[in-house]
Amino acid sequence: MTEGQTKERTFRFAYIVFRSMDGAEAVLDAYKVSWIKRFCIMKFGGACCIDSQKAMKRLHFFKRWPNVRVACDPDNINWFNLKTKLTERRIRSAIVWLIAIIIVLLSITGIVYFKNLANTLKL
């Protein structure tokens, strides 16, 4: 990177700890706005809802609307896995599914084989 260029950081997750449950509830209430209402206020709010549009712009985080949710207990988070990319997770999932399908097919093949073997031994 040269001197004049700056690399924009991308954030996927942010964990915020509040001093009280009231603060957490206030934040959840502030961001509890449907996407259609956000769209209407941000696109057409300049004509009728200027105050609402300004208030909504203040709630944006790095010019984007954050997805605010209640997180689980920090002790339950495997912090090492947060670095895992989506493609890596999908590859791992595909490998697990492939192994599961192979095991099922081997089981069905074994059942059919031993059923045929039992039928030939009865004769």
PDB file of N, CA and C in Angstrom:
ATOM      1  N   MET A   1       0.838  -1.168   0.000  1.00  0.00           N
ATOM      2  CA  MET A   1       0.000   0.000   0.000  1.00  0.00           C
ATOM      3  C   MET A   1       0.889   1.239   0.000  1.00  0.00           C
ATOM      4  N   THR A   2       0.546   2.184  -0.802  1.00  0.00           N
ATOM      5  CA  THR A   2       1.320   3.418  -0.847  1.00  0.00           C
ATOM      6  C   THR A   2       0.845   4.361   0.244  1.00  0.00           C
ATOM      7  N   GLU A   3       1.539   5.483   0.375  1.00  0.00           N
ATOM      8  CA  GLU A   3       1.215   6.436   1.438  1.00  0.00           C
ATOM      9  C   GLU A   3      -0.172   7.039   1.298  1.00  0.00           C
ATOM     10  N   GLY A   4      -0.592   7.336   0.096  1.00  0.00           N
ATOM     11  CA  GLY A   4      -1.869   8.002  -0.125  1.00  0.00           C
ATOM     12  C   GLY A   4      -3.082   7.083   0.011  1.00  0.00           C
ATOM     13  N   GLN A   5      -2.848   5.776  -0.053  1.00  0.00           N
ATOM     14  CA  GLN A   5      -3.949   4.827   0.004  1.00  0.00           C
ATOM     15  C   GLN A   5      -4.192   4.381   1.437  1.00  0.00           C
ATOM     16  N   THR A   6      -5.446   4.243   1.765  1.00  0.00           N
ATOM     17  CA  THR A   6      -5.790   3.684   3.067  1.00  0.00           C
ATOM     18  C   THR A   6      -6.685   2.485   2.842  1.00  0.00           C
ATOM     19  N   LYS A   7      -6.456   1.457   3.591  1.00  0.00           N
ATOM     20  CA  LYS A   7      -7.260   0.246   3.461  1.00  0.00           C
ATOM     21  C   LYS A   7      -8.442   0.354   4.413  1.00  0.00           C
ATOM     22  N   GLU A   8      -9.647   0.210   3.873  1.00  0.00           N
ATOM     23  CA  GLU A   8     -10.843   0.285   4.701  1.00  0.00           C
ATOM     24  C   GLU A   8     -11.015  -1.038   5.440  1.00  0.00           C
ATOM     25  N   ARG A   9     -11.190  -0.961   6.733  1.00  0.00           N
ATOM     26  CA  ARG A   9     -11.386  -2.164   7.525  1.00  0.00           C
ATOM     27  C   ARG A   9     -12.820  -2.645   7.406  1.00  0.00           C
ATOM     28  N   THR A  10     -12.973  -3.929   7.411  1.00  0.00           N
ATOM     29  CA  THR A  10     -14.317  -4.501   7.395  1.00  0.00           C
ATOM     30  C   THR A  10     -14.556  -5.170   8.740  1.00  0.00           C
ATOM     31  N   PHE A  11     -15.698  -4.881   9.320  1.00  0.00           N
ATOM     32  CA  PHE A  11     -16.066  -5.452  10.600  1.00  0.00           C
ATOM     33  C   PHE A  11     -17.240  -6.381  10.394  1.00  0.00           C
ATOM     34  N   ARG A  12     -17.156  -7.562  10.946  1.00  0.00           N
ATOM     35  CA  ARG A  12     -18.263  -8.502  10.837  1.00  0.00           C
ATOM     36  C   ARG A  12     -19.091  -8.518  12.111  1.00  0.00           C
ATOM     37  N   PHE A  13     -18.441  -8.416  13.254  1.00  0.00           N
ATOM     38  CA  PHE A  13     -19.125  -8.509  14.520  1.00  0.00           C
ATOM     39  C   PHE A  13     -18.592  -7.452  15.481  1.00  0.00           C
ATOM     40  N   ALA A  14     -19.458  -6.989  16.337  1.00  0.00           N
ATOM     41  CA  ALA A  14     -19.050  -6.114  17.429  1.00  0.00           C
ATOM     42  C   ALA A  14     -19.830  -6.540  18.658  1.00  0.00           C
ATOM     43  N   TYR A  15     -19.142  -6.741  19.736  1.00  0.00           N
ATOM     44  CA  TYR A  15     -19.789  -7.138  20.983  1.00  0.00           C
ATOM     45  C   TYR A  15     -19.710  -5.973  21.961  1.00  0.00           C
ATOM     46  N   ILE A  16     -20.853  -5.573  22.470  1.00  0.00           N
ATOM     47  CA  ILE A  16     -20.931  -4.419  23.355  1.00  0.00           C
ATOM     48  C   ILE A  16     -21.495  -4.887  24.682  1.00  0.00           C
ATOM     49  N   VAL A  17     -20.845  -4.486  25.763  1.00  0.00           N
ATOM     50  CA  VAL A  17     -21.313  -4.825  27.104  1.00  0.00           C
ATOM     51  C   VAL A  17     -21.866  -3.553  27.729  1.00  0.00           C
ATOM     52  N   PHE A  18     -23.097  -3.609  28.206  1.00  0.00           N
ATOM     53  CA  PHE A  18     -23.746  -2.462  28.815  1.00  0.00           C
ATOM     54  C   PHE A  18     -23.658  -2.559  30.330  1.00  0.00           C
ATOM     55  N   ARG A  19     -23.722  -1.423  30.986  1.00  0.00           N
ATOM     56  CA  ARG A  19     -23.691  -1.401  32.445  1.00  0.00           C
ATOM     57  C   ARG A  19     -25.001  -1.871  33.052  1.00  0.00           C
ATOM     58  N   SER A  20     -26.080  -1.674  32.323  1.00  0.00           N
ATOM     59  CA  SER A  20     -27.379  -2.090  32.849  1.00  0.00           C
ATOM     60  C   SER A  20     -28.207  -2.690  31.725  1.00  0.00           C
ATOM     61  N   MET A  21     -29.216  -3.431  32.096  1.00  0.00           N
ATOM     62  CA  MET A  21     -30.125  -4.008  31.116  1.00  0.00           C
ATOM     63  C   MET A  21     -30.970  -2.923  30.450  1.00  0.00           C
ATOM     64  N   ASP A  22     -31.181  -1.802  31.150  1.00  0.00           N
ATOM     65  CA  ASP A  22     -31.949  -0.702  30.567  1.00  0.00           C
ATOM     66  C   ASP A  22     -31.243  -0.131  29.338  1.00  0.00           C
ATOM     67  N   GLY A  23     -29.929  -0.011  29.412  1.00  0.00           N
ATOM     68  CA  GLY A  23     -29.165   0.491  28.273  1.00  0.00           C
ATOM     69  C   GLY A  23     -29.248  -0.457  27.085  1.00  0.00           C
ATOM     70  N   ALA A  24     -29.155  -1.752  27.366  1.00  0.00           N
ATOM     71  CA  ALA A  24     -29.246  -2.744  26.288  1.00  0.00           C
ATOM     72  C   ALA A  24     -30.630  -2.717  25.652  1.00  0.00           C
ATOM     73  N   GLU A  25     -31.671  -2.600  26.458  1.00  0.00           N
ATOM     74  CA  GLU A  25     -33.032  -2.544  25.924  1.00  0.00           C
ATOM     75  C   GLU A  25     -33.260  -1.271  25.111  1.00  0.00           C
ATOM     76  N   ALA A  26     -32.665  -0.155  25.543  1.00  0.00           N
ATOM     77  CA  ALA A  26     -32.818   1.098  24.801  1.00  0.00           C
ATOM     78  C   ALA A  26     -32.186   0.991  23.411  1.00  0.00           C
ATOM     79  N   VAL A  27     -31.020   0.344  23.330  1.00  0.00           N
ATOM     80  CA  VAL A  27     -30.367   0.168  22.032  1.00  0.00           C
ATOM     81  C   VAL A  27     -31.180  -0.768  21.144  1.00  0.00           C
ATOM     82  N   LEU A  28     -31.669  -1.860  21.713  1.00  0.00           N
ATOM     83  CA  LEU A  28     -32.484  -2.793  20.931  1.00  0.00           C
ATOM     84  C   LEU A  28     -33.752  -2.115  20.415  1.00  0.00           C
ATOM     85  N   ASP A  29     -34.364  -1.279  21.234  1.00  0.00           N
ATOM     86  CA  ASP A  29     -35.571  -0.564  20.805  1.00  0.00           C
ATOM     87  C   ASP A  29     -35.256   0.456  19.714  1.00  0.00           C
ATOM     88  N   ALA A  30     -34.096   1.112  19.817  1.00  0.00           N
ATOM     89  CA  ALA A  30     -33.734   2.132  18.830  1.00  0.00           C
ATOM     90  C   ALA A  30     -33.508   1.513  17.453  1.00  0.00           C
ATOM     91  N   TYR A  31     -32.987   0.294  17.409  1.00  0.00           N
ATOM     92  CA  TYR A  31     -32.687  -0.346  16.137  1.00  0.00           C
ATOM     93  C   TYR A  31     -33.790  -1.303  15.681  1.00  0.00           C
ATOM     94  N   LYS A  32     -34.906  -1.324  16.379  1.00  0.00           N
ATOM     95  CA  LYS A  32     -36.011  -2.189  15.992  1.00  0.00           C
ATOM     96  C   LYS A  32     -36.893  -1.454  14.978  1.00  0.00           C
ATOM     97  N   VAL A  33     -36.381  -1.318  13.753  1.00  0.00           N
ATOM     98  CA  VAL A  33     -37.077  -0.631  12.673  1.00  0.00           C
ATOM     99  C   VAL A  33     -37.078  -1.574  11.477  1.00  0.00           C
ATOM    100  N   SER A  34     -38.229  -1.772  10.866  1.00  0.00           N
ATOM    101  CA  SER A  34     -38.300  -2.692   9.732  1.00  0.00           C
ATOM    102  C   SER A  34     -37.552  -2.114   8.530  1.00  0.00           C
ATOM    103  N   TRP A  35     -37.134  -2.983   7.643  1.00  0.00           N
ATOM    104  CA  TRP A  35     -36.356  -2.536   6.487  1.00  0.00           C
ATOM    105  C   TRP A  35     -37.203  -1.674   5.560  1.00  0.00           C
ATOM    106  N   ILE A  36     -38.480  -1.933   5.485  1.00  0.00           N
ATOM    107  CA  ILE A  36     -39.332  -1.145   4.592  1.00  0.00           C
ATOM    108  C   ILE A  36     -39.500   0.284   5.118  1.00  0.00           C
ATOM    109  N   LYS A  37     -39.616   0.405   6.443  1.00  0.00           N
ATOM    110  CA  LYS A  37     -39.722   1.744   7.040  1.00  0.00           C
ATOM    111  C   LYS A  37     -38.415   2.512   6.853  1.00  0.00           C
ATOM    112  N   ARG A  38     -37.288   1.816   7.044  1.00  0.00           N
ATOM    113  CA  ARG A  38     -35.986   2.456   6.818  1.00  0.00           C
ATOM    114  C   ARG A  38     -35.860   2.916   5.377  1.00  0.00           C
ATOM    115  N   PHE A  39     -36.262   2.068   4.439  1.00  0.00           N
ATOM    116  CA  PHE A  39     -36.175   2.413   3.022  1.00  0.00           C
ATOM    117  C   PHE A  39     -37.015   3.650   2.707  1.00  0.00           C
ATOM    118  N   CYS A  40     -38.252   3.660   3.194  1.00  0.00           N
ATOM    119  CA  CYS A  40     -39.143   4.791   2.900  1.00  0.00           C
ATOM    120  C   CYS A  40     -38.617   6.090   3.504  1.00  0.00           C
ATOM    121  N   ILE A  41     -38.148   6.028   4.738  1.00  0.00           N
ATOM    122  CA  ILE A  41     -37.661   7.254   5.385  1.00  0.00           C
ATOM    123  C   ILE A  41     -36.373   7.740   4.732  1.00  0.00           C
ATOM    124  N   MET A  42     -35.470   6.809   4.409  1.00  0.00           N
ATOM    125  CA  MET A  42     -34.192   7.233   3.845  1.00  0.00           C
ATOM    126  C   MET A  42     -34.331   7.701   2.394  1.00  0.00           C
ATOM    127  N   LYS A  43     -35.228   7.118   1.626  1.00  0.00           N
ATOM    128  CA  LYS A  43     -35.368   7.502   0.220  1.00  0.00           C
ATOM    129  C   LYS A  43     -36.340   8.660   0.020  1.00  0.00           C
ATOM    130  N   PHE A  44     -37.456   8.652   0.745  1.00  0.00           N
ATOM    131  CA  PHE A  44     -38.505   9.642   0.511  1.00  0.00           C
ATOM    132  C   PHE A  44     -38.740  10.557   1.713  1.00  0.00           C
ATOM    133  N   GLY A  45     -37.941  10.390   2.762  1.00  0.00           N
ATOM    134  CA  GLY A  45     -38.155  11.155   3.983  1.00  0.00           C
ATOM    135  C   GLY A  45     -37.801  12.621   3.875  1.00  0.00           C
ATOM    136  N   GLY A  46     -37.029  12.997   2.869  1.00  0.00           N
ATOM    137  CA  GLY A  46     -36.666  14.397   2.697  1.00  0.00           C
ATOM    138  C   GLY A  46     -37.862  15.280   2.406  1.00  0.00           C
ATOM    139  N   ALA A  47     -38.928  14.694   1.908  1.00  0.00           N
ATOM    140  CA  ALA A  47     -40.115  15.480   1.565  1.00  0.00           C
ATOM    141  C   ALA A  47     -41.021  15.701   2.775  1.00  0.00           C
ATOM    142  N   CYS A  48     -41.105  14.734   3.680  1.00  0.00           N
ATOM    143  CA  CYS A  48     -42.067  14.874   4.778  1.00  0.00           C
ATOM    144  C   CYS A  48     -41.477  14.595   6.160  1.00  0.00           C
ATOM    145  N   CYS A  49     -40.478  13.756   6.248  1.00  0.00           N
ATOM    146  CA  CYS A  49     -39.985  13.299   7.557  1.00  0.00           C
ATOM    147  C   CYS A  49     -38.511  13.628   7.729  1.00  0.00           C
ATOM    148  N   ILE A  50     -38.164  14.873   7.647  1.00  0.00           N
ATOM    149  CA  ILE A  50     -36.755  15.268   7.713  1.00  0.00           C
ATOM    150  C   ILE A  50     -36.149  14.909   9.072  1.00  0.00           C
ATOM    151  N   ASP A  51     -36.900  15.133  10.147  1.00  0.00           N
ATOM    152  CA  ASP A  51     -36.384  14.815  11.482  1.00  0.00           C
ATOM    153  C   ASP A  51     -36.146  13.318  11.637  1.00  0.00           C
ATOM    154  N   SER A  52     -37.072  12.512  11.139  1.00  0.00           N
ATOM    155  CA  SER A  52     -36.915  11.059  11.215  1.00  0.00           C
ATOM    156  C   SER A  52     -35.720  10.601  10.391  1.00  0.00           C
ATOM    157  N   GLN A  53     -35.521  11.220   9.235  1.00  0.00           N
ATOM    158  CA  GLN A  53     -34.398  10.860   8.380  1.00  0.00           C
ATOM    159  C   GLN A  53     -33.068  11.193   9.060  1.00  0.00           C
ATOM    160  N   LYS A  54     -32.982  12.356   9.690  1.00  0.00           N
ATOM    161  CA  LYS A  54     -31.753  12.732  10.400  1.00  0.00           C
ATOM    162  C   LYS A  54     -31.487  11.798  11.577  1.00  0.00           C
ATOM    163  N   ALA A  55     -32.558  11.454  12.311  1.00  0.00           N
ATOM    164  CA  ALA A  55     -32.395  10.547  13.445  1.00  0.00           C
ATOM    165  C   ALA A  55     -31.932   9.174  12.972  1.00  0.00           C
ATOM    166  N   MET A  56     -32.457   8.725  11.846  1.00  0.00           N
ATOM    167  CA  MET A  56     -32.069   7.418  11.328  1.00  0.00           C
ATOM    168  C   MET A  56     -30.644   7.434  10.804  1.00  0.00           C
ATOM    169  N   LYS A  57     -30.209   8.538  10.222  1.00  0.00           N
ATOM    170  CA  LYS A  57     -28.824   8.644   9.746  1.00  0.00           C
ATOM    171  C   LYS A  57     -27.845   8.578  10.912  1.00  0.00           C
ATOM    172  N   ARG A  58     -28.245   9.113  12.053  1.00  0.00           N
ATOM    173  CA  ARG A  58     -27.367   9.060  13.228  1.00  0.00           C
ATOM    174  C   ARG A  58     -27.199   7.635  13.742  1.00  0.00           C
ATOM    175  N   LEU A  59     -28.161   6.765  13.451  1.00  0.00           N
ATOM    176  CA  LEU A  59     -28.080   5.385  13.922  1.00  0.00           C
ATOM    177  C   LEU A  59     -27.229   4.502  13.014  1.00  0.00           C
ATOM    178  N   HIS A  60     -26.838   5.013  11.849  1.00  0.00           N
ATOM    179  CA  HIS A  60     -26.008   4.227  10.951  1.00  0.00           C
ATOM    180  C   HIS A  60     -24.602   4.085  11.530  1.00  0.00           C
ATOM    181  N   PHE A  61     -23.981   2.967  11.236  1.00  0.00           N
ATOM    182  CA  PHE A  61     -22.645   2.649  11.729  1.00  0.00           C
ATOM    183  C   PHE A  61     -21.757   2.436  10.511  1.00  0.00           C
ATOM    184  N   PHE A  62     -20.799   3.331  10.283  1.00  0.00           N
ATOM    185  CA  PHE A  62     -19.958   3.318   9.086  1.00  0.00           C
ATOM    186  C   PHE A  62     -20.830   3.337   7.828  1.00  0.00           C
ATOM    187  N   LYS A  63     -21.839   4.186   7.833  1.00  0.00           N
ATOM    188  CA  LYS A  63     -22.773   4.394   6.717  1.00  0.00           C
ATOM    189  C   LYS A  63     -23.595   3.160   6.379  1.00  0.00           C
ATOM    190  N   ARG A  64     -23.715   2.245   7.315  1.00  0.00           N
ATOM    191  CA  ARG A  64     -24.535   1.052   7.123  1.00  0.00           C
ATOM    192  C   ARG A  64     -25.416   0.847   8.343  1.00  0.00           C
ATOM    193  N   TRP A  65     -26.552   0.203   8.133  1.00  0.00           N
ATOM    194  CA  TRP A  65     -27.467  -0.087   9.228  1.00  0.00           C
ATOM    195  C   TRP A  65     -27.026  -1.389   9.889  1.00  0.00           C
ATOM    196  N   PRO A  66     -26.679  -1.356  11.169  1.00  0.00           N
ATOM    197  CA  PRO A  66     -26.212  -2.581  11.825  1.00  0.00           C
ATOM    198  C   PRO A  66     -27.358  -3.531  12.153  1.00  0.00           C
ATOM    199  N   ASN A  67     -27.038  -4.790  12.214  1.00  0.00           N
ATOM    200  CA  ASN A  67     -27.983  -5.818  12.625  1.00  0.00           C
ATOM    201  C   ASN A  67     -27.752  -6.051  14.110  1.00  0.00           C
ATOM    202  N   VAL A  68     -28.605  -5.483  14.939  1.00  0.00           N
ATOM    203  CA  VAL A  68     -28.416  -5.521  16.385  1.00  0.00           C
ATOM    204  C   VAL A  68     -29.229  -6.672  16.965  1.00  0.00           C
ATOM    205  N   ARG A  69     -28.544  -7.543  17.698  1.00  0.00           N
ATOM    206  CA  ARG A  69     -29.191  -8.685  18.339  1.00  0.00           C
ATOM    207  C   ARG A  69     -28.578  -8.895  19.717  1.00  0.00           C
ATOM    208  N   VAL A  70     -29.291  -9.615  20.543  1.00  0.00           N
ATOM    209  CA  VAL A  70     -28.764  -9.988  21.850  1.00  0.00           C
ATOM    210  C   VAL A  70     -27.826 -11.165  21.642  1.00  0.00           C
ATOM    211  N   ALA A  71     -26.630 -11.050  22.139  1.00  0.00           N
ATOM    212  CA  ALA A  71     -25.643 -12.115  21.978  1.00  0.00           C
ATOM    213  C   ALA A  71     -25.743 -13.103  23.126  1.00  0.00           C
ATOM    214  N   CYS A  72     -25.170 -14.258  22.910  1.00  0.00           N
ATOM    215  CA  CYS A  72     -25.115 -15.234  23.990  1.00  0.00           C
ATOM    216  C   CYS A  72     -24.027 -14.809  24.981  1.00  0.00           C
ATOM    217  N   ASP A  73     -23.887 -15.561  26.024  1.00  0.00           N
ATOM    218  CA  ASP A  73     -22.901 -15.270  27.054  1.00  0.00           C
ATOM    219  C   ASP A  73     -21.496 -15.329  26.446  1.00  0.00           C
ATOM    220  N   PRO A  74     -20.623 -14.353  26.722  1.00  0.00           N
ATOM    221  CA  PRO A  74     -19.284 -14.354  26.116  1.00  0.00           C
ATOM    222  C   PRO A  74     -18.474 -15.612  26.420  1.00  0.00           C
ATOM    223  N   ASP A  75     -18.769 -16.276  27.513  1.00  0.00           N
ATOM    224  CA  ASP A  75     -18.054 -17.519  27.822  1.00  0.00           C
ATOM    225  C   ASP A  75     -18.416 -18.630  26.842  1.00  0.00           C
ATOM    226  N   ASN A  76     -19.584 -18.542  26.214  1.00  0.00           N
ATOM    227  CA  ASN A  76     -20.029 -19.574  25.279  1.00  0.00           C
ATOM    228  C   ASN A  76     -19.529 -19.342  23.857  1.00  0.00           C
ATOM    229  N   ILE A  77     -18.889 -18.219  23.601  1.00  0.00           N
ATOM    230  CA  ILE A  77     -18.419 -17.900  22.253  1.00  0.00           C
ATOM    231  C   ILE A  77     -17.028 -18.496  22.057  1.00  0.00           C
ATOM    232  N   ASN A  78     -16.868 -19.240  20.974  1.00  0.00           N
ATOM    233  CA  ASN A  78     -15.551 -19.753  20.615  1.00  0.00           C
ATOM    234  C   ASN A  78     -14.884 -18.688  19.746  1.00  0.00           C
ATOM    235  N   TRP A  79     -14.105 -17.827  20.373  1.00  0.00           N
ATOM    236  CA  TRP A  79     -13.559 -16.644  19.715  1.00  0.00           C
ATOM    237  C   TRP A  79     -12.654 -17.000  18.542  1.00  0.00           C
ATOM    238  N   PHE A  80     -12.024 -18.156  18.592  1.00  0.00           N
ATOM    239  CA  PHE A  80     -11.137 -18.567  17.512  1.00  0.00           C
ATOM    240  C   PHE A  80     -11.917 -18.782  16.208  1.00  0.00           C
ATOM    241  N   ASN A  81     -13.164 -19.243  16.313  1.00  0.00           N
ATOM    242  CA  ASN A  81     -13.959 -19.534  15.118  1.00  0.00           C
ATOM    243  C   ASN A  81     -14.485 -18.286  14.423  1.00  0.00           C
ATOM    244  N   LEU A  82     -14.402 -17.124  15.032  1.00  0.00           N
ATOM    245  CA  LEU A  82     -14.895 -15.905  14.384  1.00  0.00           C
ATOM    246  C   LEU A  82     -14.074 -15.539  13.158  1.00  0.00           C
ATOM    247  N   LYS A  83     -12.835 -16.033  13.079  1.00  0.00           N
ATOM    248  CA  LYS A  83     -11.989 -15.740  11.930  1.00  0.00           C
ATOM    249  C   LYS A  83     -12.298 -16.643  10.739  1.00  0.00           C
ATOM    250  N   THR A  84     -13.115 -17.676  10.939  1.00  0.00           N
ATOM    251  CA  THR A  84     -13.420 -18.619   9.879  1.00  0.00           C
ATOM    252  C   THR A  84     -14.304 -17.957   8.829  1.00  0.00           C
ATOM    253  N   LYS A  85     -13.887 -18.030   7.596  1.00  0.00           N
ATOM    254  CA  LYS A  85     -14.625 -17.402   6.501  1.00  0.00           C
ATOM    255  C   LYS A  85     -15.805 -18.275   6.077  1.00  0.00           C
ATOM    256  N   LEU A  86     -16.754 -17.662   5.391  1.00  0.00           N
ATOM    257  CA  LEU A  86     -17.964 -18.352   4.960  1.00  0.00           C
ATOM    258  C   LEU A  86     -17.637 -19.504   4.012  1.00  0.00           C
ATOM    259  N   THR A  87     -16.708 -19.301   3.093  1.00  0.00           N
ATOM    260  CA  THR A  87     -16.370 -20.369   2.148  1.00  0.00           C
ATOM    261  C   THR A  87     -15.755 -21.564   2.868  1.00  0.00           C
ATOM    262  N   GLU A  88     -14.939 -21.287   3.873  1.00  0.00           N
ATOM    263  CA  GLU A  88     -14.331 -22.376   4.637  1.00  0.00           C
ATOM    264  C   GLU A  88     -15.396 -23.160   5.398  1.00  0.00           C
ATOM    265  N   ARG A  89     -16.372 -22.451   5.975  1.00  0.00           N
ATOM    266  CA  ARG A  89     -17.458 -23.143   6.670  1.00  0.00           C
ATOM    267  C   ARG A  89     -18.286 -23.982   5.708  1.00  0.00           C
ATOM    268  N   ARG A  90     -18.531 -23.454   4.504  1.00  0.00           N
ATOM    269  CA  ARG A  90     -19.309 -24.218   3.521  1.00  0.00           C
ATOM    270  C   ARG A  90     -18.555 -25.451   3.043  1.00  0.00           C
ATOM    271  N   ILE A  91     -17.249 -25.336   2.868  1.00  0.00           N
ATOM    272  CA  ILE A  91     -16.451 -26.495   2.470  1.00  0.00           C
ATOM    273  C   ILE A  91     -16.485 -27.555   3.563  1.00  0.00           C
ATOM    274  N   ARG A  92     -16.337 -27.136   4.803  1.00  0.00           N
ATOM    275  CA  ARG A  92     -16.399 -28.094   5.916  1.00  0.00           C
ATOM    276  C   ARG A  92     -17.762 -28.767   5.978  1.00  0.00           C
ATOM    277  N   SER A  93     -18.808 -27.998   5.790  1.00  0.00           N
ATOM    278  CA  SER A  93     -20.158 -28.557   5.805  1.00  0.00           C
ATOM    279  C   SER A  93     -20.352 -29.548   4.669  1.00  0.00           C
ATOM    280  N   ALA A  94     -19.841 -29.231   3.492  1.00  0.00           N
ATOM    281  CA  ALA A  94     -19.959 -30.138   2.346  1.00  0.00           C
ATOM    282  C   ALA A  94     -19.217 -31.445   2.602  1.00  0.00           C
ATOM    283  N   ILE A  95     -18.053 -31.362   3.222  1.00  0.00           N
ATOM    284  CA  ILE A  95     -17.284 -32.573   3.539  1.00  0.00           C
ATOM    285  C   ILE A  95     -18.051 -33.439   4.530  1.00  0.00           C
ATOM    286  N   VAL A  96     -18.636 -32.823   5.541  1.00  0.00           N
ATOM    287  CA  VAL A  96     -19.409 -33.578   6.533  1.00  0.00           C
ATOM    288  C   VAL A  96     -20.607 -34.255   5.876  1.00  0.00           C
ATOM    289  N   TRP A  97     -21.325 -33.517   5.001  1.00  0.00           N
ATOM    290  CA  TRP A  97     -22.464 -34.105   4.295  1.00  0.00           C
ATOM    291  C   TRP A  97     -22.024 -35.255   3.404  1.00  0.00           C
ATOM    292  N   LEU A  98     -20.892 -35.119   2.721  1.00  0.00           N
ATOM    293  CA  LEU A  98     -20.382 -36.172   1.854  1.00  0.00           C
ATOM    294  C   LEU A  98     -20.074 -37.430   2.653  1.00  0.00           C
ATOM    295  N   ILE A  99     -19.421 -37.266   3.785  1.00  0.00           N
ATOM    296  CA  ILE A  99     -19.108 -38.414   4.645  1.00  0.00           C
ATOM    297  C   ILE A  99     -20.392 -39.066   5.145  1.00  0.00           C
ATOM    298  N   ALA A 100     -21.379 -38.260   5.547  1.00  0.00           N
ATOM    299  CA  ALA A 100     -22.652 -38.811   6.034  1.00  0.00           C
ATOM    300  C   ALA A 100     -23.365 -39.598   4.934  1.00  0.00           C
ATOM    301  N   ILE A 101     -23.376 -39.074   3.706  1.00  0.00           N
ATOM    302  CA  ILE A 101     -24.026 -39.776   2.595  1.00  0.00           C
ATOM    303  C   ILE A 101     -23.304 -41.083   2.288  1.00  0.00           C
ATOM    304  N   ILE A 102     -21.978 -41.069   2.325  1.00  0.00           N
ATOM    305  CA  ILE A 102     -21.205 -42.301   2.087  1.00  0.00           C
ATOM    306  C   ILE A 102     -21.530 -43.346   3.145  1.00  0.00           C
ATOM    307  N   ILE A 103     -21.616 -42.930   4.411  1.00  0.00           N
ATOM    308  CA  ILE A 103     -21.939 -43.872   5.490  1.00  0.00           C
ATOM    309  C   ILE A 103     -23.332 -44.460   5.289  1.00  0.00           C
ATOM    310  N   VAL A 104     -24.294 -43.640   4.920  1.00  0.00           N
ATOM    311  CA  VAL A 104     -25.655 -44.136   4.686  1.00  0.00           C
ATOM    312  C   VAL A 104     -25.672 -45.115   3.512  1.00  0.00           C
ATOM    313  N   LEU A 105     -24.985 -44.781   2.424  1.00  0.00           N
ATOM    314  CA  LEU A 105     -24.947 -45.677   1.261  1.00  0.00           C
ATOM    315  C   LEU A 105     -24.254 -46.998   1.591  1.00  0.00           C
ATOM    316  N   LEU A 106     -23.181 -46.936   2.352  1.00  0.00           N
ATOM    317  CA  LEU A 106     -22.512 -48.174   2.776  1.00  0.00           C
ATOM    318  C   LEU A 106     -23.420 -49.017   3.666  1.00  0.00           C
ATOM    319  N   SER A 107     -24.173 -48.378   4.538  1.00  0.00           N
ATOM    320  CA  SER A 107     -25.100 -49.107   5.410  1.00  0.00           C
ATOM    321  C   SER A 107     -26.187 -49.791   4.596  1.00  0.00           C
ATOM    322  N   ILE A 108     -26.760 -49.075   3.641  1.00  0.00           N
ATOM    323  CA  ILE A 108     -27.811 -49.662   2.795  1.00  0.00           C
ATOM    324  C   ILE A 108     -27.241 -50.815   1.971  1.00  0.00           C
ATOM    325  N   THR A 109     -26.049 -50.625   1.433  1.00  0.00           N
ATOM    326  CA  THR A 109     -25.407 -51.696   0.663  1.00  0.00           C
ATOM    327  C   THR A 109     -25.161 -52.921   1.536  1.00  0.00           C
ATOM    328  N   GLY A 110     -24.699 -52.712   2.760  1.00  0.00           N
ATOM    329  CA  GLY A 110     -24.470 -53.828   3.683  1.00  0.00           C
ATOM    330  C   GLY A 110     -25.760 -54.548   4.039  1.00  0.00           C
ATOM    331  N   ILE A 111     -26.822 -53.823   4.253  1.00  0.00           N
ATOM    332  CA  ILE A 111     -28.113 -54.439   4.583  1.00  0.00           C
ATOM    333  C   ILE A 111     -28.607 -55.291   3.415  1.00  0.00           C
ATOM    334  N   VAL A 112     -28.537 -54.740   2.216  1.00  0.00           N
ATOM    335  CA  VAL A 112     -28.993 -55.486   1.031  1.00  0.00           C
ATOM    336  C   VAL A 112     -28.131 -56.729   0.820  1.00  0.00           C
ATOM    337  N   TYR A 113     -26.816 -56.587   0.970  1.00  0.00           N
ATOM    338  CA  TYR A 113     -25.912 -57.722   0.775  1.00  0.00           C
ATOM    339  C   TYR A 113     -26.209 -58.842   1.776  1.00  0.00           C
ATOM    340  N   PHE A 114     -26.316 -58.487   3.045  1.00  0.00           N
ATOM    341  CA  PHE A 114     -26.548 -59.523   4.051  1.00  0.00           C
ATOM    342  C   PHE A 114     -27.959 -60.100   3.976  1.00  0.00           C
ATOM    343  N   LYS A 115     -28.924 -59.344   3.516  1.00  0.00           N
ATOM    344  CA  LYS A 115     -30.276 -59.863   3.299  1.00  0.00           C
ATOM    345  C   LYS A 115     -30.261 -60.895   2.168  1.00  0.00           C
ATOM    346  N   ASN A 116     -29.554 -60.591   1.082  1.00  0.00           N
ATOM    347  CA  ASN A 116     -29.414 -61.557  -0.018  1.00  0.00           C
ATOM    348  C   ASN A 116     -28.648 -62.798   0.427  1.00  0.00           C
ATOM    349  N   LEU A 117     -27.613 -62.606   1.240  1.00  0.00           N
ATOM    350  CA  LEU A 117     -26.840 -63.724   1.756  1.00  0.00           C
ATOM    351  C   LEU A 117     -27.713 -64.606   2.642  1.00  0.00           C
ATOM    352  N   ALA A 118     -28.552 -64.007   3.470  1.00  0.00           N
ATOM    353  CA  ALA A 118     -29.443 -64.787   4.333  1.00  0.00           C
ATOM    354  C   ALA A 118     -30.464 -65.546   3.497  1.00  0.00           C
ATOM    355  N   ASN A 119     -30.973 -64.938   2.423  1.00  0.00           N
ATOM    356  CA  ASN A 119     -31.938 -65.630   1.566  1.00  0.00           C
ATOM    357  C   ASN A 119     -31.315 -66.801   0.838  1.00  0.00           C
ATOM    358  N   THR A 120     -30.044 -66.666   0.395  1.00  0.00           N
ATOM    359  CA  THR A 120     -29.386 -67.788  -0.287  1.00  0.00           C
ATOM    360  C   THR A 120     -29.041 -68.913   0.684  1.00  0.00           C
ATOM    361  N   LEU A 121     -28.775 -68.602   1.940  1.00  0.00           N
ATOM    362  CA  LEU A 121     -28.460 -69.643   2.924  1.00  0.00           C
ATOM    363  C   LEU A 121     -29.718 -70.397   3.344  1.00  0.00           C
ATOM    364  N   LYS A 122     -30.892 -69.775   3.270  1.00  0.00           N
ATOM    365  CA  LYS A 122     -32.144 -70.441   3.615  1.00  0.00           C
ATOM    366  C   LYS A 122     -32.506 -71.505   2.588  1.00  0.00           C
ATOM    367  N   LEU A 123     -32.124 -71.285   1.343  1.00  0.00           N
ATOM    368  CA  LEU A 123     -32.468 -72.246   0.293  1.00  0.00           C
ATOM    369  C   LEU A 123     -31.634 -73.465   0.427  1.00  0.00           C
TER     370      LEU A 123
END
